[in-house]
Amino acid sequence: MHKDRSVNFLLLVIAVLLAAIVLHLYLSPSPVLAQSEGCSFFVEPGTSMLRAPDASRQVMGKVIIDMRNGNVWGFPTLGHEPYPAAGPNSTPPTSHPFLLGKFALTEMEK
């Protein structure tokens, strides 16, 4: 009989402690930090015709915006693919960006 009371008491203590943990997490949930430490680049979906400001280049490619400073970069893909195509070579090509323009993101805070 004494053994049943001690087992029931321990089960009650476990249940109360679990309820306290759940109640604590429900009343004060931890904040979600999904965007605070994420990537600071926005990749425009699809491909676009990239035109250099000095009219020296005009190619198809990806537009990427650096959200830290507002710089808009163009990465040539030389086609409608969202990545640089390898062509006849067996080594993967590297796309080097060129500056397309700049957004004055700091003026939005005024």
N, C-alpha and C. Protein backbone atom coordinates (compact mmCIF):
# COMPACT_ATOMS: atom_id res chain seq x y z
N MET A 1 0.82 -1.19 0.00
CA MET A 1 0.00 0.00 0.00
C MET A 1 0.86 1.25 0.00
N HIS A 2 1.94 1.22 0.78
CA HIS A 2 2.83 2.37 0.86
C HIS A 2 3.53 2.61 -0.48
N LYS A 3 3.80 1.54 -1.20
CA LYS A 3 4.47 1.65 -2.50
C LYS A 3 3.55 2.34 -3.52
N ASP A 4 2.29 2.06 -3.51
CA ASP A 4 1.34 2.70 -4.42
C ASP A 4 1.25 4.19 -4.18
N ARG A 5 1.27 4.60 -2.93
CA ARG A 5 1.19 6.04 -2.61
C ARG A 5 2.43 6.78 -3.08
N SER A 6 3.61 6.18 -2.93
CA SER A 6 4.84 6.86 -3.35
C SER A 6 4.92 6.94 -4.88
N VAL A 7 4.48 5.91 -5.58
CA VAL A 7 4.46 5.94 -7.04
C VAL A 7 3.49 7.00 -7.54
N ASN A 8 2.32 7.05 -6.94
CA ASN A 8 1.33 8.06 -7.31
C ASN A 8 1.84 9.47 -7.02
N PHE A 9 2.53 9.64 -5.89
CA PHE A 9 3.09 10.95 -5.55
C PHE A 9 4.15 11.37 -6.57
N LEU A 10 5.03 10.44 -6.96
CA LEU A 10 6.06 10.76 -7.95
C LEU A 10 5.43 11.08 -9.31
N LEU A 11 4.41 10.35 -9.70
CA LEU A 11 3.72 10.65 -10.95
C LEU A 11 3.05 12.02 -10.90
N LEU A 12 2.51 12.38 -9.75
CA LEU A 12 1.90 13.70 -9.59
C LEU A 12 2.95 14.80 -9.70
N VAL A 13 4.11 14.59 -9.09
CA VAL A 13 5.19 15.58 -9.17
C VAL A 13 5.65 15.74 -10.61
N ILE A 14 5.81 14.64 -11.32
CA ILE A 14 6.23 14.70 -12.73
C ILE A 14 5.19 15.44 -13.57
N ALA A 15 3.93 15.16 -13.36
CA ALA A 15 2.86 15.82 -14.11
C ALA A 15 2.83 17.31 -13.83
N VAL A 16 3.01 17.70 -12.58
CA VAL A 16 3.01 19.13 -12.22
C VAL A 16 4.21 19.84 -12.84
N LEU A 17 5.37 19.23 -12.82
CA LEU A 17 6.55 19.85 -13.41
C LEU A 17 6.42 19.97 -14.93
N LEU A 18 5.88 18.96 -15.58
CA LEU A 18 5.65 19.05 -17.02
C LEU A 18 4.64 20.14 -17.35
N ALA A 19 3.59 20.25 -16.56
CA ALA A 19 2.60 21.30 -16.77
C ALA A 19 3.23 22.68 -16.57
N ALA A 20 4.14 22.82 -15.61
CA ALA A 20 4.82 24.10 -15.38
C ALA A 20 5.70 24.47 -16.58
N ILE A 21 6.38 23.48 -17.16
CA ILE A 21 7.21 23.75 -18.34
C ILE A 21 6.35 24.19 -19.51
N VAL A 22 5.26 23.49 -19.76
CA VAL A 22 4.37 23.85 -20.86
C VAL A 22 3.75 25.22 -20.63
N LEU A 23 3.34 25.50 -19.41
CA LEU A 23 2.74 26.80 -19.11
C LEU A 23 3.75 27.93 -19.29
N HIS A 24 4.97 27.70 -18.89
CA HIS A 24 6.02 28.72 -19.06
C HIS A 24 6.27 29.01 -20.54
N LEU A 25 6.36 27.95 -21.37
CA LEU A 25 6.58 28.14 -22.80
C LEU A 25 5.38 28.80 -23.47
N TYR A 26 4.20 28.55 -22.98
CA TYR A 26 3.00 29.14 -23.55
C TYR A 26 2.87 30.62 -23.18
N LEU A 27 3.18 30.97 -21.94
CA LEU A 27 3.02 32.36 -21.49
C LEU A 27 4.14 33.27 -21.96
N SER A 28 5.35 32.76 -22.08
CA SER A 28 6.47 33.59 -22.55
C SER A 28 7.27 32.83 -23.61
N PRO A 29 6.75 32.78 -24.83
CA PRO A 29 7.47 32.05 -25.89
C PRO A 29 8.75 32.78 -26.28
N SER A 30 9.72 32.03 -26.72
CA SER A 30 10.98 32.64 -27.15
C SER A 30 10.75 33.31 -28.51
N PRO A 31 11.39 34.46 -28.76
CA PRO A 31 11.16 35.17 -30.02
C PRO A 31 11.76 34.41 -31.21
N VAL A 32 11.12 34.57 -32.33
CA VAL A 32 11.60 33.96 -33.57
C VAL A 32 12.57 34.92 -34.23
N LEU A 33 13.74 34.45 -34.57
CA LEU A 33 14.79 35.30 -35.15
C LEU A 33 15.11 34.87 -36.57
N ALA A 34 14.10 34.56 -37.34
CA ALA A 34 14.32 34.04 -38.68
C ALA A 34 14.96 35.06 -39.61
N GLN A 35 14.62 36.33 -39.47
CA GLN A 35 15.14 37.33 -40.40
C GLN A 35 16.23 38.20 -39.81
N SER A 36 16.47 38.11 -38.53
CA SER A 36 17.45 39.02 -37.95
C SER A 36 18.88 38.63 -38.31
N GLU A 37 19.15 37.37 -38.52
CA GLU A 37 20.50 36.95 -38.84
C GLU A 37 20.58 36.29 -40.21
N GLY A 38 19.58 36.50 -41.02
CA GLY A 38 19.53 35.85 -42.32
C GLY A 38 20.39 36.56 -43.36
N CYS A 39 20.23 36.16 -44.56
CA CYS A 39 20.97 36.70 -45.68
C CYS A 39 20.51 38.13 -45.97
N SER A 40 21.41 39.00 -46.30
CA SER A 40 21.07 40.39 -46.55
C SER A 40 20.96 40.68 -48.04
N PHE A 41 20.72 39.66 -48.85
CA PHE A 41 20.57 39.83 -50.29
C PHE A 41 19.17 39.42 -50.71
N PHE A 42 18.61 40.16 -51.65
CA PHE A 42 17.34 39.79 -52.25
C PHE A 42 17.63 39.36 -53.68
N VAL A 43 17.23 38.15 -54.04
CA VAL A 43 17.45 37.63 -55.38
C VAL A 43 16.14 37.75 -56.14
N GLU A 44 16.14 38.56 -57.18
CA GLU A 44 14.95 38.76 -58.01
C GLU A 44 14.63 37.45 -58.72
N PRO A 45 13.38 37.02 -58.68
CA PRO A 45 13.04 35.77 -59.36
C PRO A 45 13.15 35.90 -60.88
N GLY A 46 13.51 34.82 -61.52
CA GLY A 46 13.63 34.82 -62.98
C GLY A 46 14.90 35.52 -63.44
N THR A 47 14.96 35.76 -64.74
CA THR A 47 16.10 36.48 -65.32
C THR A 47 15.59 37.74 -66.00
N SER A 48 16.48 38.70 -66.18
CA SER A 48 16.14 39.98 -66.79
C SER A 48 17.26 40.39 -67.74
N MET A 49 16.93 41.34 -68.59
CA MET A 49 17.96 41.93 -69.44
C MET A 49 18.73 42.93 -68.57
N LEU A 50 20.02 42.70 -68.43
CA LEU A 50 20.87 43.56 -67.61
C LEU A 50 21.56 44.57 -68.51
N ARG A 51 21.42 45.84 -68.17
CA ARG A 51 22.08 46.90 -68.94
C ARG A 51 22.98 47.69 -68.00
N ALA A 52 24.25 47.75 -68.34
CA ALA A 52 25.20 48.52 -67.53
C ALA A 52 24.87 50.00 -67.66
N PRO A 53 25.06 50.80 -66.60
CA PRO A 53 24.75 52.23 -66.66
C PRO A 53 25.53 52.97 -67.74
N ASP A 54 26.73 52.53 -68.07
CA ASP A 54 27.53 53.20 -69.10
C ASP A 54 27.29 52.61 -70.48
N ALA A 55 26.27 51.74 -70.62
CA ALA A 55 25.89 51.11 -71.88
C ALA A 55 27.00 50.24 -72.47
N SER A 56 27.91 49.76 -71.63
CA SER A 56 29.00 48.92 -72.13
C SER A 56 28.59 47.45 -72.22
N ARG A 57 27.55 47.06 -71.50
CA ARG A 57 27.12 45.67 -71.50
C ARG A 57 25.61 45.59 -71.56
N GLN A 58 25.12 44.56 -72.20
CA GLN A 58 23.70 44.24 -72.22
C GLN A 58 23.58 42.73 -72.38
N VAL A 59 23.27 42.04 -71.28
CA VAL A 59 23.21 40.58 -71.26
C VAL A 59 22.03 40.13 -70.41
N MET A 60 21.63 38.89 -70.59
CA MET A 60 20.62 38.29 -69.73
C MET A 60 21.28 37.84 -68.43
N GLY A 61 20.55 37.96 -67.33
CA GLY A 61 21.12 37.53 -66.06
C GLY A 61 20.18 37.73 -64.89
N LYS A 62 20.72 37.49 -63.71
CA LYS A 62 19.99 37.61 -62.44
C LYS A 62 20.25 38.97 -61.82
N VAL A 63 19.22 39.53 -61.19
CA VAL A 63 19.35 40.79 -60.46
C VAL A 63 19.35 40.46 -58.97
N ILE A 64 20.36 40.96 -58.27
CA ILE A 64 20.49 40.73 -56.83
C ILE A 64 20.69 42.07 -56.15
N ILE A 65 19.90 42.32 -55.09
CA ILE A 65 19.96 43.58 -54.36
C ILE A 65 20.59 43.34 -53.00
N ASP A 66 21.61 44.12 -52.70
CA ASP A 66 22.25 44.07 -51.39
C ASP A 66 21.43 44.95 -50.46
N MET A 67 20.70 44.34 -49.52
CA MET A 67 19.79 45.08 -48.65
C MET A 67 20.52 45.90 -47.59
N ARG A 68 21.81 45.71 -47.42
CA ARG A 68 22.56 46.50 -46.45
C ARG A 68 22.83 47.90 -46.96
N ASN A 69 23.11 48.04 -48.27
CA ASN A 69 23.49 49.35 -48.78
C ASN A 69 22.68 49.78 -50.00
N GLY A 70 21.82 48.93 -50.54
CA GLY A 70 20.97 49.29 -51.67
C GLY A 70 21.60 49.10 -53.03
N ASN A 71 22.80 48.54 -53.09
CA ASN A 71 23.42 48.29 -54.40
C ASN A 71 22.67 47.21 -55.16
N VAL A 72 22.47 47.43 -56.45
CA VAL A 72 21.80 46.48 -57.32
C VAL A 72 22.86 45.90 -58.25
N TRP A 73 23.02 44.59 -58.19
CA TRP A 73 24.05 43.91 -58.94
C TRP A 73 23.43 43.02 -60.01
N GLY A 74 24.09 42.91 -61.13
CA GLY A 74 23.67 42.01 -62.19
C GLY A 74 24.68 40.90 -62.37
N PHE A 75 24.21 39.67 -62.34
CA PHE A 75 25.05 38.50 -62.56
C PHE A 75 24.69 37.90 -63.91
N PRO A 76 25.54 38.04 -64.91
CA PRO A 76 25.21 37.50 -66.23
C PRO A 76 25.08 35.98 -66.22
N THR A 77 24.01 35.51 -66.87
CA THR A 77 23.83 34.06 -67.06
C THR A 77 23.91 33.71 -68.54
N LEU A 78 23.91 34.73 -69.40
CA LEU A 78 24.03 34.59 -70.85
C LEU A 78 22.87 33.79 -71.46
N GLY A 79 21.78 33.71 -70.76
CA GLY A 79 20.60 33.00 -71.26
C GLY A 79 19.46 33.15 -70.28
N HIS A 80 18.39 32.43 -70.52
CA HIS A 80 17.22 32.52 -69.66
C HIS A 80 17.30 31.58 -68.46
N GLU A 81 18.39 30.83 -68.33
CA GLU A 81 18.57 29.96 -67.17
C GLU A 81 18.85 30.82 -65.94
N PRO A 82 18.44 30.37 -64.76
CA PRO A 82 18.68 31.16 -63.55
C PRO A 82 20.10 31.01 -63.00
N TYR A 83 20.97 30.35 -63.73
CA TYR A 83 22.35 30.13 -63.30
C TYR A 83 23.23 30.18 -64.53
N PRO A 84 24.53 30.41 -64.38
CA PRO A 84 25.42 30.44 -65.55
C PRO A 84 25.49 29.06 -66.20
N ALA A 85 25.25 29.01 -67.49
CA ALA A 85 25.27 27.74 -68.22
C ALA A 85 26.71 27.34 -68.52
N ALA A 86 26.97 26.05 -68.44
CA ALA A 86 28.34 25.55 -68.62
C ALA A 86 28.79 25.59 -70.07
N GLY A 87 27.89 25.40 -71.00
CA GLY A 87 28.28 25.38 -72.41
C GLY A 87 29.08 24.14 -72.74
N PRO A 88 30.05 24.25 -73.65
CA PRO A 88 30.81 23.06 -74.05
C PRO A 88 31.86 22.65 -73.02
N ASN A 89 32.18 23.52 -72.07
CA ASN A 89 33.21 23.19 -71.07
C ASN A 89 32.64 22.26 -70.01
N SER A 90 33.51 21.46 -69.40
CA SER A 90 33.07 20.57 -68.33
C SER A 90 33.20 21.23 -66.96
N THR A 91 33.91 22.36 -66.88
CA THR A 91 34.04 23.06 -65.60
C THR A 91 32.88 24.06 -65.46
N PRO A 92 32.34 24.20 -64.25
CA PRO A 92 31.25 25.14 -64.06
C PRO A 92 31.72 26.58 -64.22
N PRO A 93 30.97 27.41 -64.94
CA PRO A 93 31.38 28.80 -65.13
C PRO A 93 31.11 29.65 -63.89
N THR A 94 31.82 30.75 -63.79
CA THR A 94 31.63 31.70 -62.71
C THR A 94 31.10 32.99 -63.30
N SER A 95 30.00 33.48 -62.75
CA SER A 95 29.41 34.74 -63.21
C SER A 95 29.92 35.87 -62.32
N HIS A 96 30.55 36.86 -62.92
CA HIS A 96 31.09 38.00 -62.18
C HIS A 96 30.10 39.16 -62.27
N PRO A 97 29.72 39.74 -61.13
CA PRO A 97 28.69 40.78 -61.14
C PRO A 97 29.21 42.12 -61.63
N PHE A 98 28.26 42.94 -62.07
CA PHE A 98 28.57 44.35 -62.34
C PHE A 98 27.45 45.19 -61.76
N LEU A 99 27.80 46.39 -61.33
CA LEU A 99 26.86 47.27 -60.63
C LEU A 99 25.86 47.86 -61.61
N LEU A 100 24.58 47.66 -61.33
CA LEU A 100 23.52 48.20 -62.18
C LEU A 100 23.01 49.54 -61.67
N GLY A 101 23.00 49.72 -60.39
CA GLY A 101 22.48 50.96 -59.80
C GLY A 101 22.45 50.85 -58.29
N LYS A 102 21.70 51.76 -57.68
CA LYS A 102 21.64 51.78 -56.22
C LYS A 102 20.29 52.31 -55.79
N PHE A 103 19.72 51.69 -54.76
CA PHE A 103 18.52 52.19 -54.11
C PHE A 103 18.94 52.97 -52.87
N ALA A 104 18.36 54.15 -52.67
CA ALA A 104 18.67 54.95 -51.48
C ALA A 104 17.76 54.48 -50.35
N LEU A 105 18.10 53.36 -49.75
CA LEU A 105 17.27 52.77 -48.72
C LEU A 105 17.19 53.62 -47.45
N THR A 106 18.23 54.43 -47.19
CA THR A 106 18.23 55.24 -45.98
C THR A 106 17.19 56.36 -46.05
N GLU A 107 16.77 56.74 -47.23
CA GLU A 107 15.75 57.80 -47.35
C GLU A 107 14.37 57.32 -46.98
N MET A 108 14.17 56.03 -46.89
CA MET A 108 12.87 55.49 -46.49
C MET A 108 12.60 55.68 -45.01
N GLU A 109 13.64 55.94 -44.23
CA GLU A 109 13.48 56.09 -42.79
C GLU A 109 13.03 57.49 -42.40
N LYS A 110 12.95 58.40 -43.32
CA LYS A 110 12.59 59.79 -43.02
C LYS A 110 11.12 59.95 -42.78
